[in-house]
mmCIF file of all heavy atoms, coordinates in Angstrom:
data_MODEL
# 
_entry.id   MODEL 
# 
loop_
_atom_site.group_PDB 
_atom_site.id 
_atom_site.type_symbol 
_atom_site.label_atom_id 
_atom_site.label_alt_id 
_atom_site.label_comp_id 
_atom_site.label_asym_id 
_atom_site.label_entity_id 
_atom_site.label_seq_id 
_atom_site.pdbx_PDB_ins_code 
_atom_site.Cartn_x 
_atom_site.Cartn_y 
_atom_site.Cartn_z 
_atom_site.occupancy 
_atom_site.B_iso_or_equiv 
_atom_site.pdbx_formal_charge 
_atom_site.auth_seq_id 
_atom_site.auth_comp_id 
_atom_site.auth_asym_id 
_atom_site.auth_atom_id 
_atom_site.pdbx_PDB_model_num 
ATOM 1   N N   . HIS A 1 1  ? 67.466 87.823 91.093 1.00 0.00 ? 1  HIS A N   1 
ATOM 2   C CA  . HIS A 1 1  ? 68.515 88.250 92.013 1.00 0.00 ? 1  HIS A CA  1 
ATOM 3   C C   . HIS A 1 1  ? 69.499 89.199 91.351 1.00 0.00 ? 1  HIS A C   1 
ATOM 4   O O   . HIS A 1 1  ? 70.054 90.084 92.016 1.00 0.00 ? 1  HIS A O   1 
ATOM 5   C CB  . HIS A 1 1  ? 69.227 87.033 92.600 1.00 0.00 ? 1  HIS A CB  1 
ATOM 6   C CG  . HIS A 1 1  ? 68.594 86.549 93.862 1.00 0.00 ? 1  HIS A CG  1 
ATOM 7   N ND1 . HIS A 1 1  ? 69.078 86.867 95.105 1.00 0.00 ? 1  HIS A ND1 1 
ATOM 8   C CD2 . HIS A 1 1  ? 67.490 85.799 94.075 1.00 0.00 ? 1  HIS A CD2 1 
ATOM 9   C CE1 . HIS A 1 1  ? 68.309 86.328 96.037 1.00 0.00 ? 1  HIS A CE1 1 
ATOM 10  N NE2 . HIS A 1 1  ? 67.331 85.674 95.426 1.00 0.00 ? 1  HIS A NE2 1 
ATOM 11  N N   . LEU A 1 2  ? 69.725 89.030 90.074 1.00 0.00 ? 2  LEU A N   1 
ATOM 12  C CA  . LEU A 1 2  ? 70.602 89.957 89.365 1.00 0.00 ? 2  LEU A CA  1 
ATOM 13  C C   . LEU A 1 2  ? 69.935 91.307 89.138 1.00 0.00 ? 2  LEU A C   1 
ATOM 14  O O   . LEU A 1 2  ? 70.571 92.357 89.242 1.00 0.00 ? 2  LEU A O   1 
ATOM 15  C CB  . LEU A 1 2  ? 71.012 89.358 88.014 1.00 0.00 ? 2  LEU A CB  1 
ATOM 16  C CG  . LEU A 1 2  ? 71.952 88.155 88.048 1.00 0.00 ? 2  LEU A CG  1 
ATOM 17  C CD1 . LEU A 1 2  ? 72.081 87.543 86.654 1.00 0.00 ? 2  LEU A CD1 1 
ATOM 18  C CD2 . LEU A 1 2  ? 73.325 88.541 88.585 1.00 0.00 ? 2  LEU A CD2 1 
ATOM 19  N N   . PHE A 1 3  ? 68.627 91.279 88.833 1.00 0.00 ? 3  PHE A N   1 
ATOM 20  C CA  . PHE A 1 3  ? 67.899 92.503 88.462 1.00 0.00 ? 3  PHE A CA  1 
ATOM 21  C C   . PHE A 1 3  ? 66.579 92.592 89.239 1.00 0.00 ? 3  PHE A C   1 
ATOM 22  O O   . PHE A 1 3  ? 65.500 92.546 88.644 1.00 0.00 ? 3  PHE A O   1 
ATOM 23  C CB  . PHE A 1 3  ? 67.599 92.496 86.959 1.00 0.00 ? 3  PHE A CB  1 
ATOM 24  C CG  . PHE A 1 3  ? 68.775 92.176 86.084 1.00 0.00 ? 3  PHE A CG  1 
ATOM 25  C CD1 . PHE A 1 3  ? 68.751 91.064 85.253 1.00 0.00 ? 3  PHE A CD1 1 
ATOM 26  C CD2 . PHE A 1 3  ? 69.900 92.984 86.083 1.00 0.00 ? 3  PHE A CD2 1 
ATOM 27  C CE1 . PHE A 1 3  ? 69.823 90.770 84.420 1.00 0.00 ? 3  PHE A CE1 1 
ATOM 28  C CE2 . PHE A 1 3  ? 70.985 92.699 85.259 1.00 0.00 ? 3  PHE A CE2 1 
ATOM 29  C CZ  . PHE A 1 3  ? 70.956 91.586 84.433 1.00 0.00 ? 3  PHE A CZ  1 
ATOM 30  N N   . PRO A 1 4  ? 66.620 92.735 90.565 1.00 0.00 ? 4  PRO A N   1 
ATOM 31  C CA  . PRO A 1 4  ? 65.375 92.719 91.343 1.00 0.00 ? 4  PRO A CA  1 
ATOM 32  C C   . PRO A 1 4  ? 64.421 93.866 91.048 1.00 0.00 ? 4  PRO A C   1 
ATOM 33  O O   . PRO A 1 4  ? 63.223 93.750 91.313 1.00 0.00 ? 4  PRO A O   1 
ATOM 34  C CB  . PRO A 1 4  ? 65.872 92.782 92.798 1.00 0.00 ? 4  PRO A CB  1 
ATOM 35  C CG  . PRO A 1 4  ? 67.241 93.372 92.710 1.00 0.00 ? 4  PRO A CG  1 
ATOM 36  C CD  . PRO A 1 4  ? 67.804 92.884 91.421 1.00 0.00 ? 4  PRO A CD  1 
ATOM 37  N N   . ASP A 1 5  ? 64.944 94.966 90.482 1.00 0.00 ? 5  ASP A N   1 
ATOM 38  C CA  . ASP A 1 5  ? 64.065 96.109 90.213 1.00 0.00 ? 5  ASP A CA  1 
ATOM 39  C C   . ASP A 1 5  ? 63.686 96.252 88.746 1.00 0.00 ? 5  ASP A C   1 
ATOM 40  O O   . ASP A 1 5  ? 63.080 97.255 88.354 1.00 0.00 ? 5  ASP A O   1 
ATOM 41  C CB  . ASP A 1 5  ? 64.706 97.412 90.719 1.00 0.00 ? 5  ASP A CB  1 
ATOM 42  C CG  . ASP A 1 5  ? 66.054 97.699 90.070 1.00 0.00 ? 5  ASP A CG  1 
ATOM 43  O OD1 . ASP A 1 5  ? 66.591 96.801 89.386 1.00 0.00 ? 5  ASP A OD1 1 
ATOM 44  O OD2 . ASP A 1 5  ? 66.573 98.815 90.250 1.00 0.00 ? 5  ASP A OD2 1 
ATOM 45  N N   . LEU A 1 6  ? 64.013 95.255 87.911 1.00 0.00 ? 6  LEU A N   1 
ATOM 46  C CA  . LEU A 1 6  ? 63.507 95.239 86.539 1.00 0.00 ? 6  LEU A CA  1 
ATOM 47  C C   . LEU A 1 6  ? 62.189 94.463 86.506 1.00 0.00 ? 6  LEU A C   1 
ATOM 48  O O   . LEU A 1 6  ? 62.045 93.464 87.215 1.00 0.00 ? 6  LEU A O   1 
ATOM 49  C CB  . LEU A 1 6  ? 64.506 94.575 85.595 1.00 0.00 ? 6  LEU A CB  1 
ATOM 50  C CG  . LEU A 1 6  ? 65.781 95.344 85.229 1.00 0.00 ? 6  LEU A CG  1 
ATOM 51  C CD1 . LEU A 1 6  ? 66.603 94.551 84.218 1.00 0.00 ? 6  LEU A CD1 1 
ATOM 52  C CD2 . LEU A 1 6  ? 65.456 96.736 84.687 1.00 0.00 ? 6  LEU A CD2 1 
ATOM 53  N N   . PRO A 1 7  ? 61.214 94.869 85.704 1.00 0.00 ? 7  PRO A N   1 
ATOM 54  C CA  . PRO A 1 7  ? 59.943 94.148 85.628 1.00 0.00 ? 7  PRO A CA  1 
ATOM 55  C C   . PRO A 1 7  ? 60.159 92.658 85.370 1.00 0.00 ? 7  PRO A C   1 
ATOM 56  O O   . PRO A 1 7  ? 60.868 92.266 84.443 1.00 0.00 ? 7  PRO A O   1 
ATOM 57  C CB  . PRO A 1 7  ? 59.224 94.827 84.462 1.00 0.00 ? 7  PRO A CB  1 
ATOM 58  C CG  . PRO A 1 7  ? 59.745 96.227 84.488 1.00 0.00 ? 7  PRO A CG  1 
ATOM 59  C CD  . PRO A 1 7  ? 61.194 96.095 84.868 1.00 0.00 ? 7  PRO A CD  1 
ATOM 60  N N   . ALA A 1 8  ? 59.538 91.845 86.202 1.00 0.00 ? 8  ALA A N   1 
ATOM 61  C CA  . ALA A 1 8  ? 59.782 90.403 86.163 1.00 0.00 ? 8  ALA A CA  1 
ATOM 62  C C   . ALA A 1 8  ? 59.326 89.761 84.860 1.00 0.00 ? 8  ALA A C   1 
ATOM 63  O O   . ALA A 1 8  ? 59.814 88.677 84.503 1.00 0.00 ? 8  ALA A O   1 
ATOM 64  C CB  . ALA A 1 8  ? 59.098 89.724 87.346 1.00 0.00 ? 8  ALA A CB  1 
ATOM 65  N N   . ASN A 1 9  ? 58.393 90.396 84.148 1.00 0.00 ? 9  ASN A N   1 
ATOM 66  C CA  . ASN A 1 9  ? 57.957 89.829 82.867 1.00 0.00 ? 9  ASN A CA  1 
ATOM 67  C C   . ASN A 1 9  ? 59.080 89.841 81.830 1.00 0.00 ? 9  ASN A C   1 
ATOM 68  O O   . ASN A 1 9  ? 58.989 89.168 80.809 1.00 0.00 ? 9  ASN A O   1 
ATOM 69  C CB  . ASN A 1 9  ? 56.749 90.594 82.327 1.00 0.00 ? 9  ASN A CB  1 
ATOM 70  C CG  . ASN A 1 9  ? 56.985 92.084 82.202 1.00 0.00 ? 9  ASN A CG  1 
ATOM 71  O OD1 . ASN A 1 9  ? 57.037 92.788 83.213 1.00 0.00 ? 9  ASN A OD1 1 
ATOM 72  N ND2 . ASN A 1 9  ? 57.133 92.588 80.984 1.00 0.00 ? 9  ASN A ND2 1 
ATOM 73  N N   . ARG A 1 10 ? 60.164 90.582 82.109 1.00 0.00 ? 10 ARG A N   1 
ATOM 74  C CA  . ARG A 1 10 ? 61.298 90.637 81.197 1.00 0.00 ? 10 ARG A CA  1 
ATOM 75  C C   . ARG A 1 10 ? 62.270 89.463 81.392 1.00 0.00 ? 10 ARG A C   1 
ATOM 76  O O   . ARG A 1 10 ? 63.139 89.233 80.559 1.00 0.00 ? 10 ARG A O   1 
ATOM 77  C CB  . ARG A 1 10 ? 62.061 91.945 81.377 1.00 0.00 ? 10 ARG A CB  1 
ATOM 78  C CG  . ARG A 1 10 ? 61.312 93.192 80.911 1.00 0.00 ? 10 ARG A CG  1 
ATOM 79  C CD  . ARG A 1 10 ? 61.068 93.151 79.410 1.00 0.00 ? 10 ARG A CD  1 
ATOM 80  N NE  . ARG A 1 10 ? 60.491 94.387 78.908 1.00 0.00 ? 10 ARG A NE  1 
ATOM 81  C CZ  . ARG A 1 10 ? 61.086 95.177 78.024 1.00 0.00 ? 10 ARG A CZ  1 
ATOM 82  N NH1 . ARG A 1 10 ? 62.270 94.859 77.546 1.00 0.00 ? 10 ARG A NH1 1 
ATOM 83  N NH2 . ARG A 1 10 ? 60.488 96.272 77.608 1.00 0.00 ? 10 ARG A NH2 1 
ATOM 84  N N   . TYR A 1 11 ? 62.147 88.752 82.513 1.00 0.00 ? 11 TYR A N   1 
ATOM 85  C CA  . TYR A 1 11 ? 63.137 87.726 82.830 1.00 0.00 ? 11 TYR A CA  1 
ATOM 86  C C   . TYR A 1 11 ? 63.184 86.605 81.793 1.00 0.00 ? 11 TYR A C   1 
ATOM 87  O O   . TYR A 1 11 ? 64.244 86.047 81.527 1.00 0.00 ? 11 TYR A O   1 
ATOM 88  C CB  . TYR A 1 11 ? 62.868 87.125 84.209 1.00 0.00 ? 11 TYR A CB  1 
ATOM 89  C CG  . TYR A 1 11 ? 63.004 88.086 85.365 1.00 0.00 ? 11 TYR A CG  1 
ATOM 90  C CD1 . TYR A 1 11 ? 62.351 87.842 86.575 1.00 0.00 ? 11 TYR A CD1 1 
ATOM 91  C CD2 . TYR A 1 11 ? 63.771 89.245 85.264 1.00 0.00 ? 11 TYR A CD2 1 
ATOM 92  C CE1 . TYR A 1 11 ? 62.469 88.717 87.647 1.00 0.00 ? 11 TYR A CE1 1 
ATOM 93  C CE2 . TYR A 1 11 ? 63.879 90.127 86.326 1.00 0.00 ? 11 TYR A CE2 1 
ATOM 94  C CZ  . TYR A 1 11 ? 63.232 89.859 87.523 1.00 0.00 ? 11 TYR A CZ  1 
ATOM 95  O OH  . TYR A 1 11 ? 63.343 90.720 88.584 1.00 0.00 ? 11 TYR A OH  1 
ATOM 96  N N   . VAL A 1 12 ? 62.033 86.261 81.227 1.00 0.00 ? 12 VAL A N   1 
ATOM 97  C CA  . VAL A 1 12 ? 61.996 85.162 80.260 1.00 0.00 ? 12 VAL A CA  1 
ATOM 98  C C   . VAL A 1 12 ? 62.863 85.474 79.037 1.00 0.00 ? 12 VAL A C   1 
ATOM 99  O O   . VAL A 1 12 ? 63.457 84.562 78.436 1.00 0.00 ? 12 VAL A O   1 
ATOM 100 C CB  . VAL A 1 12 ? 60.540 84.864 79.839 1.00 0.00 ? 12 VAL A CB  1 
ATOM 101 C CG1 . VAL A 1 12 ? 59.918 86.029 79.083 1.00 0.00 ? 12 VAL A CG1 1 
ATOM 102 C CG2 . VAL A 1 12 ? 60.472 83.582 79.024 1.00 0.00 ? 12 VAL A CG2 1 
ATOM 103 N N   . ASP A 1 13 ? 62.967 86.738 78.673 1.00 0.00 ? 13 ASP A N   1 
ATOM 104 C CA  . ASP A 1 13 ? 63.803 87.124 77.531 1.00 0.00 ? 13 ASP A CA  1 
ATOM 105 C C   . ASP A 1 13 ? 65.266 87.293 77.937 1.00 0.00 ? 13 ASP A C   1 
ATOM 106 O O   . ASP A 1 13 ? 66.174 87.067 77.127 1.00 0.00 ? 13 ASP A O   1 
ATOM 107 C CB  . ASP A 1 13 ? 63.291 88.431 76.921 1.00 0.00 ? 13 ASP A CB  1 
ATOM 108 C CG  . ASP A 1 13 ? 61.890 88.283 76.337 1.00 0.00 ? 13 ASP A CG  1 
ATOM 109 O OD1 . ASP A 1 13 ? 61.617 87.218 75.749 1.00 0.00 ? 13 ASP A OD1 1 
ATOM 110 O OD2 . ASP A 1 13 ? 61.081 89.220 76.484 1.00 0.00 ? 13 ASP A OD2 1 
ATOM 111 N N   . ILE A 1 14 ? 65.481 87.706 79.187 1.00 0.00 ? 14 ILE A N   1 
ATOM 112 C CA  . ILE A 1 14 ? 66.844 87.926 79.674 1.00 0.00 ? 14 ILE A CA  1 
ATOM 113 C C   . ILE A 1 14 ? 67.562 86.605 79.934 1.00 0.00 ? 14 ILE A C   1 
ATOM 114 O O   . ILE A 1 14 ? 68.779 86.491 79.720 1.00 0.00 ? 14 ILE A O   1 
ATOM 115 C CB  . ILE A 1 14 ? 66.802 88.761 80.974 1.00 0.00 ? 14 ILE A CB  1 
ATOM 116 C CG1 . ILE A 1 14 ? 66.270 90.162 80.700 1.00 0.00 ? 14 ILE A CG1 1 
ATOM 117 C CG2 . ILE A 1 14 ? 68.189 88.834 81.620 1.00 0.00 ? 14 ILE A CG2 1 
ATOM 118 C CD1 . ILE A 1 14 ? 66.022 90.970 81.956 1.00 0.00 ? 14 ILE A CD1 1 
ATOM 119 N N   . ALA A 1 15 ? 66.814 85.595 80.396 1.00 0.00 ? 15 ALA A N   1 
ATOM 120 C CA  . ALA A 1 15 ? 67.407 84.349 80.878 1.00 0.00 ? 15 ALA A CA  1 
ATOM 121 C C   . ALA A 1 15 ? 68.373 83.690 79.898 1.00 0.00 ? 15 ALA A C   1 
ATOM 122 O O   . ALA A 1 15 ? 69.476 83.280 80.295 1.00 0.00 ? 15 ALA A O   1 
ATOM 123 C CB  . ALA A 1 15 ? 66.308 83.371 81.288 1.00 0.00 ? 15 ALA A CB  1 
ATOM 124 N N   . PRO A 1 16 ? 68.031 83.538 78.597 1.00 0.00 ? 16 PRO A N   1 
ATOM 125 C CA  . PRO A 1 16 ? 68.989 82.886 77.694 1.00 0.00 ? 16 PRO A CA  1 
ATOM 126 C C   . PRO A 1 16 ? 70.325 83.623 77.602 1.00 0.00 ? 16 PRO A C   1 
ATOM 127 O O   . PRO A 1 16 ? 71.380 82.983 77.469 1.00 0.00 ? 16 PRO A O   1 
ATOM 128 C CB  . PRO A 1 16 ? 68.256 82.897 76.345 1.00 0.00 ? 16 PRO A CB  1 
ATOM 129 C CG  . PRO A 1 16 ? 66.803 82.971 76.696 1.00 0.00 ? 16 PRO A CG  1 
ATOM 130 C CD  . PRO A 1 16 ? 66.753 83.830 77.919 1.00 0.00 ? 16 PRO A CD  1 
ATOM 131 N N   . GLU A 1 17 ? 70.281 84.951 77.676 1.00 0.00 ? 17 GLU A N   1 
ATOM 132 C CA  . GLU A 1 17 ? 71.524 85.715 77.610 1.00 0.00 ? 17 GLU A CA  1 
ATOM 133 C C   . GLU A 1 17 ? 72.354 85.531 78.875 1.00 0.00 ? 17 GLU A C   1 
ATOM 134 O O   . GLU A 1 17 ? 73.587 85.411 78.809 1.00 0.00 ? 17 GLU A O   1 
ATOM 135 C CB  . GLU A 1 17 ? 71.220 87.193 77.374 1.00 0.00 ? 17 GLU A CB  1 
ATOM 136 C CG  . GLU A 1 17 ? 70.537 87.475 76.043 1.00 0.00 ? 17 GLU A CG  1 
ATOM 137 C CD  . GLU A 1 17 ? 70.442 88.955 75.745 1.00 0.00 ? 17 GLU A CD  1 
ATOM 138 O OE1 . GLU A 1 17 ? 71.509 89.615 75.710 1.00 0.00 ? 17 GLU A OE1 1 
ATOM 139 O OE2 . GLU A 1 17 ? 69.314 89.451 75.567 1.00 0.00 ? 17 GLU A OE2 1 
ATOM 140 N N   . ILE A 1 18 ? 71.693 85.500 80.033 1.00 0.00 ? 18 ILE A N   1 
ATOM 141 C CA  . ILE A 1 18 ? 72.415 85.267 81.285 1.00 0.00 ? 18 ILE A CA  1 
ATOM 142 C C   . ILE A 1 18 ? 73.027 83.869 81.280 1.00 0.00 ? 18 ILE A C   1 
ATOM 143 O O   . ILE A 1 18 ? 74.179 83.675 81.686 1.00 0.00 ? 18 ILE A O   1 
ATOM 144 C CB  . ILE A 1 18 ? 71.471 85.426 82.496 1.00 0.00 ? 18 ILE A CB  1 
ATOM 145 C CG1 . ILE A 1 18 ? 71.020 86.886 82.629 1.00 0.00 ? 18 ILE A CG1 1 
ATOM 146 C CG2 . ILE A 1 18 ? 72.150 84.956 83.788 1.00 0.00 ? 18 ILE A CG2 1 
ATOM 147 C CD1 . ILE A 1 18 ? 72.146 87.867 82.919 1.00 0.00 ? 18 ILE A CD1 1 
ATOM 148 N N   . GLN A 1 19 ? 72.269 82.893 80.799 1.00 0.00 ? 19 GLN A N   1 
ATOM 149 C CA  . GLN A 1 19 ? 72.776 81.528 80.741 1.00 0.00 ? 19 GLN A CA  1 
ATOM 150 C C   . GLN A 1 19 ? 74.006 81.441 79.834 1.00 0.00 ? 19 GLN A C   1 
ATOM 151 O O   . GLN A 1 19 ? 74.990 80.750 80.149 1.00 0.00 ? 19 GLN A O   1 
ATOM 152 C CB  . GLN A 1 19 ? 71.681 80.586 80.248 1.00 0.00 ? 19 GLN A CB  1 
ATOM 153 C CG  . GLN A 1 19 ? 72.054 79.121 80.358 1.00 0.00 ? 19 GLN A CG  1 
ATOM 154 C CD  . GLN A 1 19 ? 70.862 78.207 80.122 1.00 0.00 ? 19 GLN A CD  1 
ATOM 155 O OE1 . GLN A 1 19 ? 69.798 78.647 79.689 1.00 0.00 ? 19 GLN A OE1 1 
ATOM 156 N NE2 . GLN A 1 19 ? 71.036 76.933 80.422 1.00 0.00 ? 19 GLN A NE2 1 
ATOM 157 N N   . GLU A 1 20 ? 73.962 82.161 78.726 1.00 0.00 ? 20 GLU A N   1 
ATOM 158 C CA  . GLU A 1 20 ? 75.085 82.130 77.791 1.00 0.00 ? 20 GLU A CA  1 
ATOM 159 C C   . GLU A 1 20 ? 76.318 82.803 78.403 1.00 0.00 ? 20 GLU A C   1 
ATOM 160 O O   . GLU A 1 20 ? 77.454 82.321 78.248 1.00 0.00 ? 20 GLU A O   1 
ATOM 161 C CB  . GLU A 1 20 ? 74.673 82.830 76.494 1.00 0.00 ? 20 GLU A CB  1 
ATOM 162 C CG  . GLU A 1 20 ? 75.648 82.628 75.329 1.00 0.00 ? 20 GLU A CG  1 
ATOM 163 C CD  . GLU A 1 20 ? 76.776 83.634 75.331 1.00 0.00 ? 20 GLU A CD  1 
ATOM 164 O OE1 . GLU A 1 20 ? 76.553 84.754 75.837 1.00 0.00 ? 20 GLU A OE1 1 
ATOM 165 O OE2 . GLU A 1 20 ? 77.874 83.310 74.846 1.00 0.00 ? 20 GLU A OE2 1 
ATOM 166 N N   . ILE A 1 21 ? 76.102 83.912 79.119 1.00 0.00 ? 21 ILE A N   1 
ATOM 167 C CA  . ILE A 1 21 ? 77.219 84.589 79.788 1.00 0.00 ? 21 ILE A CA  1 
ATOM 168 C C   . ILE A 1 21 ? 77.838 83.671 80.833 1.00 0.00 ? 21 ILE A C   1 
ATOM 169 O O   . ILE A 1 21 ? 79.068 83.541 80.921 1.00 0.00 ? 21 ILE A O   1 
ATOM 170 C CB  . ILE A 1 21 ? 76.743 85.907 80.434 1.00 0.00 ? 21 ILE A CB  1 
ATOM 171 C CG1 . ILE A 1 21 ? 76.361 86.926 79.355 1.00 0.00 ? 21 ILE A CG1 1 
ATOM 172 C CG2 . ILE A 1 21 ? 77.830 86.490 81.342 1.00 0.00 ? 21 ILE A CG2 1 
ATOM 173 C CD1 . ILE A 1 21 ? 75.703 88.185 79.899 1.00 0.00 ? 21 ILE A CD1 1 
ATOM 174 N N   . CYS A 1 22 ? 76.994 83.027 81.629 1.00 0.00 ? 22 CYS A N   1 
ATOM 175 C CA  . CYS A 1 22 ? 77.495 82.109 82.658 1.00 0.00 ? 22 CYS A CA  1 
ATOM 176 C C   . CYS A 1 22 ? 78.307 80.976 82.036 1.00 0.00 ? 22 CYS A C   1 
ATOM 177 O O   . CYS A 1 22 ? 79.361 80.586 82.553 1.00 0.00 ? 22 CYS A O   1 
ATOM 178 C CB  . CYS A 1 22 ? 76.333 81.542 83.463 1.00 0.00 ? 22 CYS A CB  1 
ATOM 179 S SG  . CYS A 1 22 ? 75.563 82.727 84.592 1.00 0.00 ? 22 CYS A SG  1 
ATOM 180 N N   . LYS A 1 23 ? 77.831 80.461 80.920 1.00 0.00 ? 23 LYS A N   1 
ATOM 181 C CA  . LYS A 1 23 ? 78.543 79.366 80.252 1.00 0.00 ? 23 LYS A CA  1 
ATOM 182 C C   . LYS A 1 23 ? 79.925 79.803 79.801 1.00 0.00 ? 23 LYS A C   1 
ATOM 183 O O   . LYS A 1 23 ? 80.919 79.075 79.967 1.00 0.00 ? 23 LYS A O   1 
ATOM 184 C CB  . LYS A 1 23 ? 77.720 78.868 79.063 1.00 0.00 ? 23 LYS A CB  1 
ATOM 185 C CG  . LYS A 1 23 ? 78.340 77.679 78.349 1.00 0.00 ? 23 LYS A CG  1 
ATOM 186 C CD  . LYS A 1 23 ? 77.440 77.205 77.213 1.00 0.00 ? 23 LYS A CD  1 
ATOM 187 C CE  . LYS A 1 23 ? 78.049 75.992 76.497 1.00 0.00 ? 23 LYS A CE  1 
ATOM 188 N NZ  . LYS A 1 23 ? 77.170 75.529 75.381 1.00 0.00 ? 23 LYS A NZ  1 
ATOM 189 N N   . ARG A 1 24 ? 80.017 80.995 79.235 1.00 0.00 ? 24 ARG A N   1 
ATOM 190 C CA  . ARG A 1 24 ? 81.314 81.473 78.748 1.00 0.00 ? 24 ARG A CA  1 
ATOM 191 C C   . ARG A 1 24 ? 82.310 81.702 79.873 1.00 0.00 ? 24 ARG A C   1 
ATOM 192 O O   . ARG A 1 24 ? 83.520 81.564 79.686 1.00 0.00 ? 24 ARG A O   1 
ATOM 193 C CB  . ARG A 1 24 ? 81.130 82.765 77.943 1.00 0.00 ? 24 ARG A CB  1 
ATOM 194 C CG  . ARG A 1 24 ? 80.643 82.516 76.526 1.00 0.00 ? 24 ARG A CG  1 
ATOM 195 C CD  . ARG A 1 24 ? 80.777 83.747 75.658 1.00 0.00 ? 24 ARG A CD  1 
ATOM 196 N NE  . ARG A 1 24 ? 79.754 84.753 75.964 1.00 0.00 ? 24 ARG A NE  1 
ATOM 197 C CZ  . ARG A 1 24 ? 79.985 85.883 76.589 1.00 0.00 ? 24 ARG A CZ  1 
ATOM 198 N NH1 . ARG A 1 24 ? 81.215 86.172 77.005 1.00 0.00 ? 24 ARG A NH1 1 
ATOM 199 N NH2 . ARG A 1 24 ? 79.012 86.753 76.819 1.00 0.00 ? 24 ARG A NH2 1 
# 
């Protein structure tokens, strides 16, 4: 939902960073 036009195979690497941003 944040990046619908980025290749979905990238989400697994992006997810930890998004989770960390949300936590902060």
